[in-house]
Amino acid sequence: MLTDRITCDIQIEAPPERVWMVMTEPRFVSRWYAFGGAEMDVCPFGTLVFRWKEHGAFNGLIATVEPPWALTFVYACLNPGERPRFGNSTLVELTLEPEGHRTRLRVAESGFAQLLAADAMKELLAASGRRAWTNGLGRLRAIAEHAVPARREA
């Protein structure tokens, strides 16, 4: 059966506000996910660009923003440089949930079955996405727990 949705979650020893900052500020996103740089206009209908030296630049469009609890965006995952549209994009949902003094970060990416690509490519993208999110969330946790001050300096 074709994979349509991947999920990943992690518990982070930091409050939701700090996790949100690491999750949405380009200076941090380029350290845990988009290693070639990130641009994010974190507002409804804002744009985003994730870059990787070896893969190119991939565009997205932010759908919902509920700081510090939820961020969703569509992401053109088939070819670098394309704008998101039906058939070339997946939906990424990031949600934060407080758990005592910790935060649970969940990522779900869906829509692989609707991509206009061969089934083998859809499965490859889903598997690659699962690895990227799993590895990225581990790096995000390390940054949020150790590399970001508990409070922002004024």
Protein backbone atom coordinates (compact mmCIF):
# COMPACT_ATOMS: atom_id res chain seq x y z
CA MET A 1 0.00 0.00 0.00
CA LEU A 2 1.25 3.45 -0.94
CA THR A 3 2.36 5.68 1.95
CA ASP A 4 0.33 8.88 2.04
CA ARG A 5 1.23 10.21 5.51
CA ILE A 6 4.36 10.14 7.63
CA THR A 7 4.58 11.20 11.26
CA CYS A 8 7.34 11.87 13.73
CA ASP A 9 7.32 13.24 17.25
CA ILE A 10 9.85 14.13 19.89
CA GLN A 11 9.86 15.36 23.47
CA ILE A 12 11.98 18.45 24.12
CA GLU A 13 13.21 19.74 27.48
CA ALA A 14 12.14 23.33 26.74
CA PRO A 15 8.95 25.41 26.88
CA PRO A 16 6.76 25.72 23.74
CA GLU A 17 7.85 29.34 23.17
CA ARG A 18 11.50 28.33 22.85
CA VAL A 19 10.69 25.36 20.62
CA TRP A 20 8.52 27.64 18.45
CA MET A 21 11.42 30.09 18.06
CA VAL A 22 13.80 27.32 16.94
CA MET A 23 11.10 25.85 14.68
CA THR A 24 10.22 29.10 12.88
CA GLU A 25 13.19 31.47 12.84
CA PRO A 26 15.30 31.02 9.69
CA ARG A 27 18.59 31.39 11.60
CA PHE A 28 17.68 28.22 13.50
CA VAL A 29 15.86 26.36 10.69
CA SER A 30 19.08 26.47 8.67
CA ARG A 31 20.82 24.66 11.54
CA TRP A 32 18.35 21.80 11.99
CA TYR A 33 16.64 21.29 8.61
CA ALA A 34 17.40 23.48 5.58
CA PHE A 35 21.21 23.53 5.76
CA GLY A 36 21.63 25.77 2.70
CA GLY A 37 19.43 28.46 4.25
CA ALA A 38 15.83 29.20 5.02
CA GLU A 39 13.45 32.07 4.42
CA MET A 40 10.12 32.12 6.26
CA ASP A 41 7.42 34.76 6.38
CA VAL A 42 5.59 33.18 9.32
CA CYS A 43 2.04 34.43 8.73
CA PRO A 44 -0.99 32.98 6.92
CA PHE A 45 -0.23 32.90 3.18
CA GLY A 46 3.41 33.74 3.91
CA THR A 47 6.05 32.09 1.78
CA LEU A 48 8.95 29.91 2.73
CA VAL A 49 12.03 28.63 0.96
CA PHE A 50 14.19 25.75 2.23
CA ARG A 51 17.59 25.29 0.57
CA TRP A 52 20.07 22.46 0.43
CA LYS A 53 23.34 22.72 -1.48
CA GLU A 54 22.94 19.21 -2.91
CA HIS A 55 19.17 19.44 -3.70
CA GLY A 56 18.36 23.08 -4.49
CA ALA A 57 15.66 25.44 -3.19
CA PHE A 58 12.16 24.20 -2.39
CA ASN A 59 9.22 26.57 -1.97
CA GLY A 60 6.26 26.51 0.33
CA LEU A 61 3.21 28.49 1.34
CA ILE A 62 2.19 28.84 4.97
CA ALA A 63 -1.43 27.91 5.63
CA THR A 64 -1.93 28.42 9.37
CA VAL A 65 0.05 30.00 12.18
CA GLU A 66 -0.95 29.63 15.84
CA PRO A 67 2.10 30.65 17.91
CA PRO A 68 3.41 28.82 19.84
CA TRP A 69 1.19 25.81 19.13
CA ALA A 70 0.82 25.07 15.42
CA LEU A 71 2.25 25.79 11.99
CA THR A 72 1.07 24.25 8.72
CA PHE A 73 2.35 24.74 5.22
CA VAL A 74 2.24 23.21 1.76
CA TYR A 75 5.60 22.30 0.38
CA ALA A 76 6.55 21.75 -3.28
CA CYS A 77 8.62 18.60 -2.83
CA LEU A 78 9.04 17.21 -6.35
CA ASN A 79 11.34 19.65 -8.12
CA PRO A 80 13.48 22.54 -6.88
CA GLY A 81 12.24 26.01 -7.73
CA GLU A 82 8.59 25.07 -8.29
CA ARG A 83 5.78 26.87 -6.51
CA PRO A 84 3.38 24.67 -4.54
CA ARG A 85 0.35 23.48 -6.49
CA PHE A 86 -1.84 20.42 -6.70
CA GLY A 87 0.22 17.38 -7.67
CA ASN A 88 3.65 18.65 -6.59
CA SER A 89 3.10 19.40 -2.90
CA THR A 90 2.60 17.84 0.49
CA LEU A 91 1.01 19.32 3.61
CA VAL A 92 3.28 19.65 6.65
CA GLU A 93 1.70 20.07 10.08
CA LEU A 94 3.86 20.93 13.10
CA THR A 95 2.13 20.97 16.49
CA LEU A 96 3.46 21.66 19.95
CA GLU A 97 1.96 20.38 23.18
CA PRO A 98 3.17 21.19 26.68
CA GLU A 99 4.01 18.17 28.85
CA GLY A 100 4.97 19.58 32.25
CA HIS A 101 8.21 21.53 31.72
CA ARG A 102 8.72 19.77 28.38
CA THR A 103 7.19 20.19 24.93
CA ARG A 104 6.02 17.45 22.57
CA LEU A 105 6.64 18.39 18.92
CA ARG A 106 4.72 16.39 16.34
CA VAL A 107 5.27 16.56 12.61
CA ALA A 108 2.90 15.03 10.07
CA GLU A 109 3.48 15.27 6.34
CA SER A 110 0.69 14.06 4.06
CA GLY A 111 -0.30 14.02 0.43
CA PHE A 112 2.36 11.72 -1.01
CA ALA A 113 -0.29 9.57 -2.73
CA GLN A 114 -1.60 12.62 -4.63
CA LEU A 115 1.73 13.62 -6.11
CA LEU A 116 1.90 13.50 -9.89
CA ALA A 117 4.80 11.06 -9.94
CA ALA A 118 5.42 7.33 -10.26
CA ASP A 119 4.57 5.26 -7.18
CA ALA A 120 8.25 4.43 -6.66
CA MET A 121 9.07 8.16 -6.52
CA LYS A 122 6.21 8.78 -4.06
CA GLU A 123 7.55 6.04 -1.76
CA LEU A 124 11.09 7.41 -2.08
CA LEU A 125 9.89 10.91 -1.13
CA ALA A 126 7.93 9.57 1.87
CA ALA A 127 10.92 7.55 3.11
CA SER A 128 13.27 10.47 2.55
CA GLY A 129 10.86 12.80 4.33
CA ARG A 130 10.61 10.47 7.33
CA ARG A 131 14.42 10.34 7.63
CA ALA A 132 14.75 14.12 7.20
CA TRP A 133 12.14 14.89 9.87
CA THR A 134 13.52 12.31 12.31
CA ASN A 135 17.08 13.60 11.94
CA GLY A 136 15.97 17.23 11.88
CA LEU A 137 13.89 16.95 15.04
CA GLY A 138 16.88 15.48 16.88
CA ARG A 139 18.95 18.51 15.89
CA LEU A 140 16.07 20.88 16.73
CA ARG A 141 15.86 19.32 20.21
CA ALA A 142 19.60 19.83 20.80
CA ILE A 143 19.36 23.48 19.75
CA ALA A 144 16.25 24.20 21.85
CA GLU A 145 17.67 22.44 24.92
CA HIS A 146 21.28 23.67 24.79
CA ALA A 147 21.96 26.43 22.29
CA VAL A 148 19.14 28.91 22.87
CA PRO A 149 18.88 31.13 25.94
CA ALA A 150 15.82 30.50 28.11
CA ARG A 151 14.75 34.13 27.58
CA ARG A 152 15.37 36.48 24.69
CA GLU A 153 17.51 39.48 25.43
CA ALA A 154 15.70 42.80 25.00
